[in-house]
Every structure is written in C-alpha cells, then in structure tokens.
Amino acid sequence: MSPTIVSALIAAFASMVVVSANYIQYRKTNKYLKESNRKGQSLQYVTDKRMDWMYEVRNELSEMIALMLEMKDKYALYNKKIPSEEGRILNQHLMKLKFYLNLEL
C-alpha cells in the first residue's frame, strides 16, 4: 500500500471516530436537556398551583374578614343576636379556610 492510501485510511478512520464521539455527546446532551426541561415544567406547574392556592386563601380570608366587620357593625355593637343565615355563611368561610390551610381547629 502506498503511503497516501494509508494516510487517507487513517484520516477516514479518525474522522469516523470524531463523528461517532460527537454523535454520542449529542445524544447525552439531548437526553439531559429533555430531563431538565421535564423537571423545569413540573417545577413551574407546582409554582403555578401554589400561587393559585395563595390567591384562593387570600380571597377567602378577605371575604371572611369583610363579613365579620359587617356583622360587628350590624349586630355586636347593638348586642343583637346574629341571624342563623349569616352565621352559617361565616362558618362556611371558616371551614373553607380550615380546608385550605389543613388546620385542626
């Protein structure tokens, strides 16, 4: 074999090794990116759900406080009995808050 053919075969073999190594590295990187993307999506989902929960708790708490202030102005200042319907609504708000906060009151 002539030296040019040997050097061409060595160059071809070396380029095949480099291409194979690059392909293997690409597959590893691609797999890592897919896993990282999946983890990032699940983290974003959890964060979104946590924000929704905080929004619901804040709204429920503000409604309950508003109702309690209204009842104080209507009934407590004049020593009147709280009607059962408004008391039931207040208890509903309290139960929702207990549910949201997972409290054992």
Protein backbone atom coordinates (compact mmCIF):
# COMPACT_ATOMS: atom_id res chain seq x y z
CA MET A 1 0.00 0.00 0.00
CA SER A 2 1.20 3.43 -0.76
CA PRO A 3 1.65 6.00 1.98
CA THR A 4 -1.09 8.23 0.56
CA ILE A 5 -3.65 5.42 0.78
CA VAL A 6 -2.57 4.60 4.36
CA SER A 7 -2.79 8.24 5.39
CA ALA A 8 -6.22 8.52 3.69
CA LEU A 9 -7.45 5.43 5.59
CA ILE A 10 -6.12 6.83 8.87
CA ALA A 11 -7.80 10.16 8.20
CA ALA A 12 -11.08 8.44 7.32
CA PHE A 13 -10.89 6.31 10.47
CA ALA A 14 -10.08 9.36 12.61
CA SER A 15 -12.99 11.32 11.13
CA MET A 16 -15.33 8.37 11.83
CA VAL A 17 -14.14 8.33 15.45
CA VAL A 18 -14.69 12.09 15.77
CA VAL A 19 -18.16 11.88 14.17
CA SER A 20 -19.10 8.98 16.46
CA ALA A 21 -17.86 10.83 19.54
CA ASN A 22 -19.81 13.93 18.55
CA TYR A 23 -22.95 11.87 17.99
CA ILE A 24 -22.62 10.21 21.40
CA GLN A 25 -22.08 13.59 23.05
CA TYR A 26 -25.12 14.98 21.21
CA ARG A 27 -27.33 12.11 22.45
CA LYS A 28 -26.16 12.58 26.04
CA THR A 29 -26.73 16.34 25.90
CA ASN A 30 -30.13 15.91 24.27
CA LYS A 31 -31.18 13.40 26.94
CA TYR A 32 -30.01 15.76 29.69
CA LEU A 33 -31.89 18.69 28.15
CA LYS A 34 -35.09 16.66 27.88
CA GLU A 35 -34.86 15.63 31.55
CA SER A 36 -34.01 19.16 32.60
CA ASN A 37 -36.93 20.55 30.60
CA ARG A 38 -39.29 18.00 32.15
CA LYS A 39 -38.10 18.92 35.66
CA GLY A 40 -38.46 22.59 34.85
CA GLN A 41 -42.01 22.07 33.64
CA SER A 42 -43.01 20.17 36.77
CA LEU A 43 -41.44 22.85 38.95
CA GLN A 44 -43.37 25.53 37.05
CA TYR A 45 -46.59 23.52 37.50
CA VAL A 46 -46.04 23.28 41.26
CA THR A 47 -45.27 27.00 41.47
CA ASP A 48 -48.42 27.85 39.50
CA LYS A 49 -50.57 25.66 41.75
CA ARG A 50 -49.02 27.23 44.85
CA MET A 51 -49.78 30.71 43.53
CA ASP A 52 -53.39 29.67 42.79
CA TRP A 53 -53.71 28.32 46.34
CA MET A 54 -52.31 31.54 47.84
CA TYR A 55 -54.76 33.59 45.76
CA GLU A 56 -57.73 31.46 46.92
CA VAL A 57 -56.70 31.68 50.59
CA ARG A 58 -56.23 35.44 50.35
CA ASN A 59 -59.66 35.89 48.72
CA GLU A 60 -61.41 33.64 51.23
CA LEU A 61 -59.74 35.38 54.16
CA SER A 62 -60.64 38.85 52.86
CA GLU A 63 -64.28 37.80 52.35
CA MET A 64 -64.43 36.39 55.88
CA ILE A 65 -62.90 39.49 57.44
CA ALA A 66 -65.27 41.74 55.49
CA LEU A 67 -68.24 39.67 56.68
CA MET A 68 -67.02 39.73 60.28
CA LEU A 69 -66.60 43.52 60.20
CA GLU A 70 -70.05 43.92 58.70
CA MET A 71 -71.56 41.66 61.36
CA LYS A 72 -69.73 43.56 64.10
CA ASP A 73 -71.18 46.83 62.85
CA LYS A 74 -74.68 45.40 62.46
CA TYR A 75 -75.08 43.19 65.50
CA ALA A 76 -72.26 43.20 68.06
CA LEU A 77 -72.32 46.94 68.69
CA TYR A 78 -76.04 46.80 69.50
CA ASN A 79 -75.96 43.47 71.38
CA LYS A 80 -78.24 41.85 68.82
CA LYS A 81 -78.22 38.17 68.01
CA ILE A 82 -76.56 37.19 64.73
CA PRO A 83 -79.11 35.62 62.33
CA SER A 84 -78.52 31.96 61.57
CA GLU A 85 -78.12 32.58 57.82
CA GLU A 86 -75.23 35.00 58.30
CA GLY A 87 -73.73 32.76 60.95
CA ARG A 88 -73.90 29.85 58.51
CA ILE A 89 -72.10 31.91 55.84
CA LEU A 90 -69.41 32.85 58.37
CA ASN A 91 -68.98 29.19 59.31
CA GLN A 92 -68.66 28.29 55.61
CA HIS A 93 -65.82 30.76 55.22
CA LEU A 94 -64.16 29.39 58.34
CA MET A 95 -64.46 25.80 57.09
CA LYS A 96 -63.00 26.74 53.70
CA LEU A 97 -60.04 28.38 55.41
CA LYS A 98 -59.52 25.31 57.58
CA PHE A 99 -59.62 23.20 54.44
CA TYR A 100 -57.15 25.43 52.56
CA LEU A 101 -54.73 25.60 55.47
CA ASN A 102 -55.27 21.98 56.59
CA LEU A 103 -55.82 23.08 60.17
CA GLU A 104 -57.04 21.02 63.08
CA LEU A 105 -59.07 23.66 64.89
